[in-house]
C-alpha cells in the first residue's frame, strides 16, 4: 500500500520515516536541554550545533514527505 496515491511512499517506508522523525525530534529536545544546562561555552556550543543538525535532518525528512504526497 502506498501513502498519497499511486506514486507515494509505501506503508513500511512511511513507518520508518515516522520513526526517524520521532528520533530526530527527541534528539533536538535533548540537545537543547543539554545546551541550556552546560556552563562551559564549548559544550554549550557543541550541544547547540547537534540540536541544529538534528533539526535540519527533521526538516529534510518533512520536506521529503511533503514532496511525496
C-alpha atoms as a PDB file:
ATOM      1  CA  UNK A   1       0.000   0.000   0.000  1.00  0.00           C
ATOM      2  CA  UNK A   2       1.210   3.477  -0.819  1.00  0.00           C
ATOM      3  CA  UNK A   3       0.812   6.766   1.012  1.00  0.00           C
ATOM      4  CA  UNK A   4      -0.632   9.594  -1.063  1.00  0.00           C
ATOM      5  CA  UNK A   5      -1.821   7.671  -4.091  1.00  0.00           C
ATOM      6  CA  UNK A   6      -0.033   5.730  -6.777  1.00  0.00           C
ATOM      7  CA  UNK A   7       3.356   7.441  -6.643  1.00  0.00           C
ATOM      8  CA  UNK A   8       3.528   7.894  -2.879  1.00  0.00           C
ATOM      9  CA  UNK A   9       5.527   6.189  -0.161  1.00  0.00           C
ATOM     10  CA  UNK A  10       4.954   2.543   0.719  1.00  0.00           C
ATOM     11  CA  UNK A  11       3.486   1.914   4.175  1.00  0.00           C
ATOM     12  CA  UNK A  12       6.618   0.198   5.514  1.00  0.00           C
ATOM     13  CA  UNK A  13       8.827   3.071   4.386  1.00  0.00           C
ATOM     14  CA  UNK A  14       6.393   5.569   5.865  1.00  0.00           C
ATOM     15  CA  UNK A  15       6.687   3.824   9.245  1.00  0.00           C
ATOM     16  CA  UNK A  16      10.481   4.055   9.021  1.00  0.00           C
ATOM     17  CA  UNK A  17      10.275   7.765   8.178  1.00  0.00           C
ATOM     18  CA  UNK A  18       7.906   8.346  11.097  1.00  0.00           C
ATOM     19  CA  UNK A  19      10.374   6.617  13.441  1.00  0.00           C
ATOM     20  CA  UNK A  20      13.223   8.750  12.123  1.00  0.00           C
ATOM     21  CA  UNK A  21      11.169  11.923  12.539  1.00  0.00           C
ATOM     22  CA  UNK A  22      10.368  10.973  16.127  1.00  0.00           C
ATOM     23  CA  UNK A  23      14.006  10.181  16.912  1.00  0.00           C
ATOM     24  CA  UNK A  24      15.296  13.435  15.413  1.00  0.00           C
ATOM     25  CA  UNK A  25      12.657  15.426  17.312  1.00  0.00           C
ATOM     26  CA  UNK A  26      13.725  13.758  20.562  1.00  0.00           C
ATOM     27  CA  UNK A  27      17.387  14.432  19.798  1.00  0.00           C
ATOM     28  CA  UNK A  28      16.656  18.119  19.187  1.00  0.00           C
ATOM     29  CA  UNK A  29      14.899  18.413  22.543  1.00  0.00           C
ATOM     30  CA  UNK A  30      17.675  16.596  24.416  1.00  0.00           C
ATOM     31  CA  UNK A  31      20.441  18.624  22.797  1.00  0.00           C
ATOM     32  CA  UNK A  32      18.624  21.879  23.534  1.00  0.00           C
ATOM     33  CA  UNK A  33      18.215  20.842  27.181  1.00  0.00           C
ATOM     34  CA  UNK A  34      21.905  19.992  27.421  1.00  0.00           C
ATOM     35  CA  UNK A  35      22.880  23.260  25.757  1.00  0.00           C
ATOM     36  CA  UNK A  36      20.791  25.162  28.288  1.00  0.00           C
ATOM     37  CA  UNK A  37      22.318  23.298  31.231  1.00  0.00           C
ATOM     38  CA  UNK A  38      26.016  23.477  30.280  1.00  0.00           C
ATOM     39  CA  UNK A  39      28.077  26.273  31.797  1.00  0.00           C
ATOM     40  CA  UNK A  40      31.111  25.576  29.599  1.00  0.00           C
ATOM     41  CA  UNK A  41      30.763  27.612  26.380  1.00  0.00           C
ATOM     42  CA  UNK A  42      32.444  24.898  24.300  1.00  0.00           C
ATOM     43  CA  UNK A  43      29.995  22.234  25.499  1.00  0.00           C
ATOM     44  CA  UNK A  44      27.072  24.625  25.090  1.00  0.00           C
ATOM     45  CA  UNK A  45      28.142  25.333  21.510  1.00  0.00           C
ATOM     46  CA  UNK A  46      28.603  21.640  20.718  1.00  0.00           C
ATOM     47  CA  UNK A  47      25.137  20.742  22.040  1.00  0.00           C
ATOM     48  CA  UNK A  48      23.600  23.654  20.126  1.00  0.00           C
ATOM     49  CA  UNK A  49      25.278  22.504  16.911  1.00  0.00           C
ATOM     50  CA  UNK A  50      23.968  18.973  17.454  1.00  0.00           C
ATOM     51  CA  UNK A  51      20.463  20.343  18.010  1.00  0.00           C
ATOM     52  CA  UNK A  52      20.755  22.318  14.774  1.00  0.00           C
ATOM     53  CA  UNK A  53      21.935  19.208  12.896  1.00  0.00           C
ATOM     54  CA  UNK A  54      19.016  17.114  14.136  1.00  0.00           C
ATOM     55  CA  UNK A  55      16.558  19.930  13.379  1.00  0.00           C
ATOM     56  CA  UNK A  56      17.872  20.116   9.803  1.00  0.00           C
ATOM     57  CA  UNK A  57      17.526  16.335   9.429  1.00  0.00           C
ATOM     58  CA  UNK A  58      13.962  16.528  10.765  1.00  0.00           C
ATOM     59  CA  UNK A  59      13.064  19.311   8.347  1.00  0.00           C
ATOM     60  CA  UNK A  60      14.679  17.439   5.466  1.00  0.00           C
ATOM     61  CA  UNK A  61      12.548  14.377   6.184  1.00  0.00           C
ATOM     62  CA  UNK A  62       9.428  16.536   6.454  1.00  0.00           C
ATOM     63  CA  UNK A  63      10.219  18.146   3.092  1.00  0.00           C
ATOM     64  CA  UNK A  64      10.686  14.688   1.592  1.00  0.00           C
ATOM     65  CA  UNK A  65       7.291  13.613   2.909  1.00  0.00           C
ATOM     66  CA  UNK A  66       5.638  16.769   1.613  1.00  0.00           C
ATOM     67  CA  UNK A  67       7.155  16.227  -1.820  1.00  0.00           C
ATOM     68  CA  UNK A  68       5.740  12.693  -1.998  1.00  0.00           C
ATOM     69  CA  UNK A  69       2.139  13.386  -1.012  1.00  0.00           C
END
